[in-house]
Amino acid sequence: MAIKKQFLKSKPVCKVTFTVPAEEAKNVAVVGSFNEWNEEATPLKKLKNGSFKGTVDLETGNSYEFRYLIDGAYTNEVEADSLAWNDFAGAENSVLSL
């Protein structure tokens, strides 16, 4: 898994690209505070190499909690800036600090 951040000079926005190697998966999405944890809001596209990839524009100066949803199972990003405990989920969420 990987996260790439590209900060824009013209706007207070960061293009965040999520990449998930999941060759056996059928569906991968990123869910988080930036899309109200909506499982259908940010699906990642499957590439020919078997990984899934997608880009989201996020406002800088904020932190965002998120997780990947891979075929119905939640997983965290190992390269996240940090982890935060979530009582509602009873698990840790990945955190992006922009």
Protein backbone atom coordinates (compact mmCIF):
# COMPACT_ATOMS: atom_id res chain seq x y z
CA MET A 1 0.00 0.00 0.00
CA ALA A 2 1.15 3.51 -0.61
CA ILE A 3 0.12 7.14 -0.32
CA LYS A 4 1.47 9.91 -2.54
CA LYS A 5 0.84 13.55 -1.63
CA GLN A 6 1.07 16.33 -4.20
CA PHE A 7 0.54 19.80 -2.76
CA LEU A 8 -0.79 22.38 -5.23
CA LYS A 9 0.87 25.81 -5.24
CA SER A 10 -2.17 27.60 -6.66
CA LYS A 11 -4.76 26.32 -4.13
CA PRO A 12 -4.84 25.04 -0.52
CA VAL A 13 -5.37 21.52 -1.87
CA CYS A 14 -3.36 18.32 -1.79
CA LYS A 15 -3.88 15.60 -4.40
CA VAL A 16 -3.64 12.34 -2.46
CA THR A 17 -3.15 9.18 -4.49
CA PHE A 18 -3.98 5.88 -2.79
CA THR A 19 -2.48 2.65 -4.17
CA VAL A 20 -3.47 -0.77 -2.82
CA PRO A 21 -1.88 -4.00 -4.09
CA ALA A 22 -4.79 -6.43 -3.99
CA GLU A 23 -4.59 -8.74 -6.99
CA GLU A 24 -7.26 -11.14 -5.70
CA ALA A 25 -9.72 -8.39 -4.71
CA LYS A 26 -12.80 -7.52 -6.71
CA ASN A 27 -13.62 -4.17 -5.07
CA VAL A 28 -11.44 -1.69 -3.21
CA ALA A 29 -12.52 1.70 -1.90
CA VAL A 30 -11.11 4.31 0.44
CA VAL A 31 -13.54 5.52 3.11
CA GLY A 32 -12.94 8.25 5.63
CA SER A 33 -13.84 11.52 7.24
CA PHE A 34 -13.37 13.28 3.86
CA ASN A 35 -16.25 11.32 2.24
CA GLU A 36 -18.43 10.72 5.31
CA TRP A 37 -17.32 7.04 5.40
CA ASN A 38 -19.41 6.41 2.28
CA GLU A 39 -18.39 3.02 0.84
CA GLU A 40 -19.46 4.05 -2.67
CA ALA A 41 -18.00 7.58 -2.77
CA THR A 42 -14.36 6.77 -3.57
CA PRO A 43 -13.87 3.45 -5.35
CA LEU A 44 -10.33 2.70 -6.52
CA LYS A 45 -9.74 1.52 -10.09
CA LYS A 46 -8.08 -1.81 -10.77
CA LEU A 47 -4.91 -1.53 -12.84
CA LYS A 48 -3.41 -4.12 -15.17
CA ASN A 49 -0.75 -4.97 -12.57
CA GLY A 50 -3.47 -6.03 -10.12
CA SER A 51 -3.25 -3.03 -7.81
CA PHE A 52 -6.03 -0.51 -7.20
CA LYS A 53 -5.46 3.23 -7.46
CA GLY A 54 -7.39 6.46 -6.97
CA THR A 55 -6.78 10.16 -6.32
CA VAL A 56 -8.69 12.48 -4.00
CA ASP A 57 -8.34 16.26 -3.65
CA LEU A 58 -8.23 17.19 0.03
CA GLU A 59 -8.00 20.58 1.70
CA THR A 60 -4.65 21.26 3.35
CA GLY A 61 -4.32 22.23 7.00
CA ASN A 62 -6.51 19.32 8.14
CA SER A 63 -6.18 15.76 9.35
CA TYR A 64 -8.36 13.01 7.89
CA GLU A 65 -9.11 9.55 9.28
CA PHE A 66 -9.56 6.79 6.71
CA ARG A 67 -9.42 3.06 6.01
CA TYR A 68 -9.45 0.87 2.95
CA LEU A 69 -12.44 -1.35 2.26
CA ILE A 70 -11.22 -4.44 0.39
CA ASP A 71 -14.04 -6.81 -0.59
CA GLY A 72 -15.99 -5.81 2.53
CA ALA A 73 -13.05 -5.99 4.98
CA TYR A 74 -11.50 -2.87 6.50
CA THR A 75 -7.73 -2.46 6.59
CA ASN A 76 -5.34 0.35 7.45
CA GLU A 77 -2.61 2.02 5.43
CA VAL A 78 0.85 1.07 6.70
CA GLU A 79 2.32 4.34 5.36
CA ALA A 80 -0.27 6.56 7.10
CA ASP A 81 1.02 9.58 9.02
CA SER A 82 -0.40 8.12 12.24
CA LEU A 83 -3.19 5.97 13.68
CA ALA A 84 -6.17 7.09 15.76
CA TRP A 85 -8.44 4.93 17.93
CA ASN A 86 -12.10 5.02 16.95
CA ASP A 87 -14.57 3.92 19.64
CA PHE A 88 -17.41 3.55 17.11
CA ALA A 89 -15.46 1.03 15.01
CA GLY A 90 -13.60 -0.47 17.96
CA ALA A 91 -10.41 -0.25 15.90
CA GLU A 92 -7.69 2.12 14.80
CA ASN A 93 -8.07 4.30 11.72
CA SER A 94 -5.26 5.52 9.49
CA VAL A 95 -4.65 9.28 9.66
CA LEU A 96 -3.53 11.67 6.91
CA SER A 97 -2.07 15.01 8.07
CA LEU A 98 -1.99 17.62 5.33
